[in-house]
Protein backbone atom coordinates (compact mmCIF):
# COMPACT_ATOMS: atom_id res chain seq x y z
CA GLU A 1 0.03 -0.01 0.03
CA THR A 2 1.10 3.57 -0.62
CA ALA A 3 0.56 6.98 0.66
CA HIS A 4 -1.49 8.85 -1.93
CA GLY A 5 -2.84 12.29 -1.61
CA SER A 6 -6.40 10.99 -1.85
CA ASP A 7 -6.30 8.53 1.02
CA ALA A 8 -8.26 10.47 3.58
CA ASP A 9 -10.58 7.67 4.95
CA ARG A 10 -8.04 5.48 6.84
CA SER A 11 -8.19 4.58 10.46
CA GLU A 12 -4.88 5.34 12.03
CA GLY A 13 -3.12 8.58 11.68
CA GLN A 14 -0.10 11.01 12.43
CA MET A 15 0.37 14.60 12.30
CA LEU A 16 2.91 16.62 10.35
CA GLU A 17 3.35 19.79 12.29
CA VAL A 18 4.65 22.81 10.43
CA GLN A 19 5.46 25.64 12.71
CA GLY A 20 4.19 28.95 11.30
CA LEU A 21 6.58 31.88 11.30
CA LEU A 22 5.64 35.01 13.14
CA SER A 23 4.28 37.77 10.93
CA GLY A 24 6.84 39.49 8.89
CA GLY A 25 9.47 36.55 9.45
CA GLY A 26 8.31 34.41 6.52
CA ARG A 27 9.26 34.97 2.93
CA MET A 28 5.71 34.43 1.53
CA SER A 29 2.53 36.39 2.08
CA ALA A 30 -0.17 34.97 4.32
CA GLN A 31 -2.25 33.74 1.25
CA GLU A 32 0.60 31.60 0.13
CA PRO A 33 1.02 28.04 1.53
CA LEU A 34 3.58 27.48 4.31
CA LEU A 35 4.21 24.09 3.00
CA ARG A 36 3.62 22.88 -0.61
CA VAL A 37 4.28 19.33 -1.76
CA GLU A 38 4.22 18.53 -5.49
CA HIS A 39 4.05 15.08 -6.97
CA LEU A 40 6.46 13.74 -4.25
CA LYS A 41 7.59 10.09 -4.79
CA LYS A 42 9.71 7.80 -2.81
CA TYR A 43 10.24 4.15 -3.93
CA PHE A 44 12.28 1.54 -2.06
CA THR A 45 13.72 -1.37 -4.00
CA SER A 46 14.55 -4.59 -2.24
CA LYS A 47 17.54 -6.73 -3.03
CA LYS A 48 16.82 -9.49 -5.40
CA LYS A 49 16.06 -12.64 -3.48
CA PHE A 50 16.91 -16.28 -4.59
CA LEU A 51 14.47 -17.54 -7.11
CA GLU A 52 13.14 -14.16 -7.96
CA SER A 53 13.31 -12.78 -11.47
CA LYS A 54 13.85 -9.16 -10.42
CA PRO A 55 13.95 -7.06 -7.16
CA LYS A 56 10.69 -5.84 -5.79
CA THR A 57 9.80 -2.07 -5.75
CA VAL A 58 7.67 -0.70 -2.91
CA ARG A 59 5.92 2.65 -3.82
CA ALA A 60 6.02 4.01 -0.34
CA VAL A 61 5.02 7.65 -1.41
CA ASP A 62 3.43 7.79 -4.90
CA ASP A 63 2.68 11.15 -6.47
CA VAL A 64 1.52 12.86 -3.36
CA SER A 65 0.58 16.70 -3.54
CA PHE A 66 -1.02 18.95 -1.00
CA GLU A 67 -0.67 22.48 0.58
CA ILE A 68 -0.78 23.56 4.15
CA MET A 69 -1.55 27.13 4.94
CA ARG A 70 -0.11 29.15 7.87
CA GLY A 71 -1.92 28.30 11.13
CA GLU A 72 -3.31 24.89 9.67
CA THR A 73 -2.74 21.51 11.28
CA PHE A 74 -2.38 18.73 8.78
CA GLY A 75 -3.16 15.15 9.57
CA VAL A 76 -2.05 12.11 7.48
CA VAL A 77 -4.30 9.14 8.24
CA GLY A 78 -3.97 5.61 7.04
CA GLU A 79 -3.68 2.07 7.93
CA SER A 80 -0.32 0.52 9.18
CA GLY A 81 2.21 0.33 6.32
CA CYS A 82 0.39 2.57 3.95
CA GLY A 83 3.29 5.06 3.83
CA LYS A 84 2.44 7.94 6.38
CA SER A 85 5.88 7.70 8.03
CA SER A 86 7.75 7.55 4.67
CA LEU A 87 5.78 10.58 3.50
CA GLY A 88 6.79 12.55 6.65
CA ARG A 89 10.39 11.47 6.52
CA THR A 90 10.57 12.27 2.67
CA ILE A 91 9.22 15.61 3.22
CA LEU A 92 11.93 16.24 5.88
CA ARG A 93 14.54 14.71 3.64
CA LEU A 94 15.43 11.92 6.07
CA HIS A 95 14.72 9.87 2.98
CA GLU A 96 15.63 11.70 -0.21
CA PRO A 97 12.71 11.79 -2.64
CA ASP A 98 12.92 10.01 -5.92
CA SER A 99 11.07 12.93 -7.56
CA GLY A 100 8.74 15.87 -6.69
CA LYS A 101 9.26 19.05 -4.78
CA VAL A 102 8.84 20.30 -1.24
CA ILE A 103 8.62 23.91 -0.80
CA TYR A 104 8.66 25.40 2.81
CA ASP A 105 7.94 29.12 3.09
CA GLY A 106 9.03 29.67 -0.55
CA VAL A 107 12.17 27.62 -0.25
CA ASP A 108 12.67 24.50 -2.38
CA LEU A 109 14.06 22.11 0.15
CA SER A 110 15.67 19.82 -2.40
CA GLN A 111 18.16 22.69 -2.89
CA LEU A 112 19.33 22.72 0.73
CA SER A 113 22.60 21.34 2.01
CA HIS A 114 22.34 18.72 4.84
CA ARG A 115 23.50 21.47 7.15
CA GLU A 116 20.84 23.97 5.97
CA MET A 117 18.09 21.23 6.05
CA ARG A 118 18.93 20.64 9.72
CA GLU A 119 17.76 24.15 10.43
CA TYR A 120 14.47 23.66 8.56
CA ARG A 121 13.93 20.39 10.63
CA ARG A 122 13.58 22.64 13.68
CA LYS A 123 10.47 24.20 12.20
CA MET A 124 8.92 20.98 10.75
CA GLN A 125 8.42 17.82 12.61
CA ILE A 126 6.54 14.50 12.55
CA ILE A 127 4.28 13.90 15.39
CA PHE A 128 3.39 10.27 15.76
CA GLN A 129 0.01 9.42 17.15
CA ASP A 130 1.02 6.05 18.68
CA PRO A 131 2.66 6.83 22.08
CA TYR A 132 4.33 3.47 22.36
CA ALA A 133 6.21 4.19 18.99
CA SER A 134 7.07 7.71 19.97
CA LEU A 135 7.83 7.83 23.64
CA ASN A 136 10.56 5.78 25.33
CA PRO A 137 9.07 4.41 28.54
CA ARG A 138 12.52 4.48 30.26
CA MET A 139 12.79 8.17 29.96
CA THR A 140 11.20 10.62 32.31
CA VAL A 141 8.66 13.25 30.99
CA LYS A 142 11.25 15.85 31.62
CA GLU A 143 13.92 13.83 29.50
CA LEU A 144 11.31 13.35 26.73
CA ILE A 145 10.45 16.99 26.59
CA CYS A 146 14.10 18.04 26.49
CA ALA A 147 15.25 15.65 23.97
CA PRO A 148 14.43 17.77 20.90
CA LEU A 149 16.13 20.73 22.39
CA ASP A 150 19.19 18.61 22.87
CA VAL A 151 18.97 17.27 19.33
CA PHE A 152 18.85 20.84 17.87
CA GLU A 153 21.51 22.10 20.35
CA ILE A 154 18.95 24.86 21.72
CA GLY A 155 20.38 26.34 24.98
CA SER A 156 22.49 24.86 27.53
CA LYS A 157 21.46 21.94 29.84
CA GLU A 158 20.50 24.15 32.61
CA GLU A 159 18.42 26.39 30.21
CA CYS A 160 16.82 23.29 28.84
CA GLU A 161 15.71 22.07 32.22
CA LYS A 162 14.48 25.40 33.43
CA ALA A 163 12.42 25.75 30.07
CA VAL A 164 11.07 22.29 30.53
CA LEU A 165 10.07 22.62 34.17
CA ASN A 166 8.31 25.99 33.40
CA MET A 167 6.42 24.25 30.55
CA MET A 168 5.45 21.32 32.80
CA THR A 169 4.24 23.84 35.52
CA LYS A 170 2.18 25.66 32.72
CA VAL A 171 0.31 22.40 31.64
CA GLY A 172 -0.14 21.07 35.09
CA LEU A 173 2.34 18.20 35.12
CA PRO A 174 4.12 17.42 38.30
CA HIS A 175 7.95 17.68 38.37
CA GLU A 176 9.54 14.52 38.80
């Protein structure tokens, strides 16, 4: 099964969160999409197995197109194995696309270096709906919240801890 732009009636889902920039900070007007995906494709080819005439190709992402406007939340819904994660990873260039375009705030992400792409990943994130696949049960809530700040090297360890404890207080979570 594959992720197609028209598959909206599936049962499981995940969110692709795209952080809108503050007014005046973006390159495009408010009427332009913040994220535009055009004819995105990502195929995976398995190695040829014994007694197979040729390797198998899985069309994980097959000609997907959509737009997300500033302030919108976009959900990708589908059954297990349909390509939701592959779509998110291809948009973020964790998997390089075979074809198509991903344009974020007027910037064609395919033209960015790996270092430049890392900066854009700070603004675009996949949010998995399944907490068992997303959250490590051996980590504390504080460690889970702080992990993205560590990955993107945002602030010192002390600044991270202070920000996380502040956020936990705001949402009513007890400090561990």
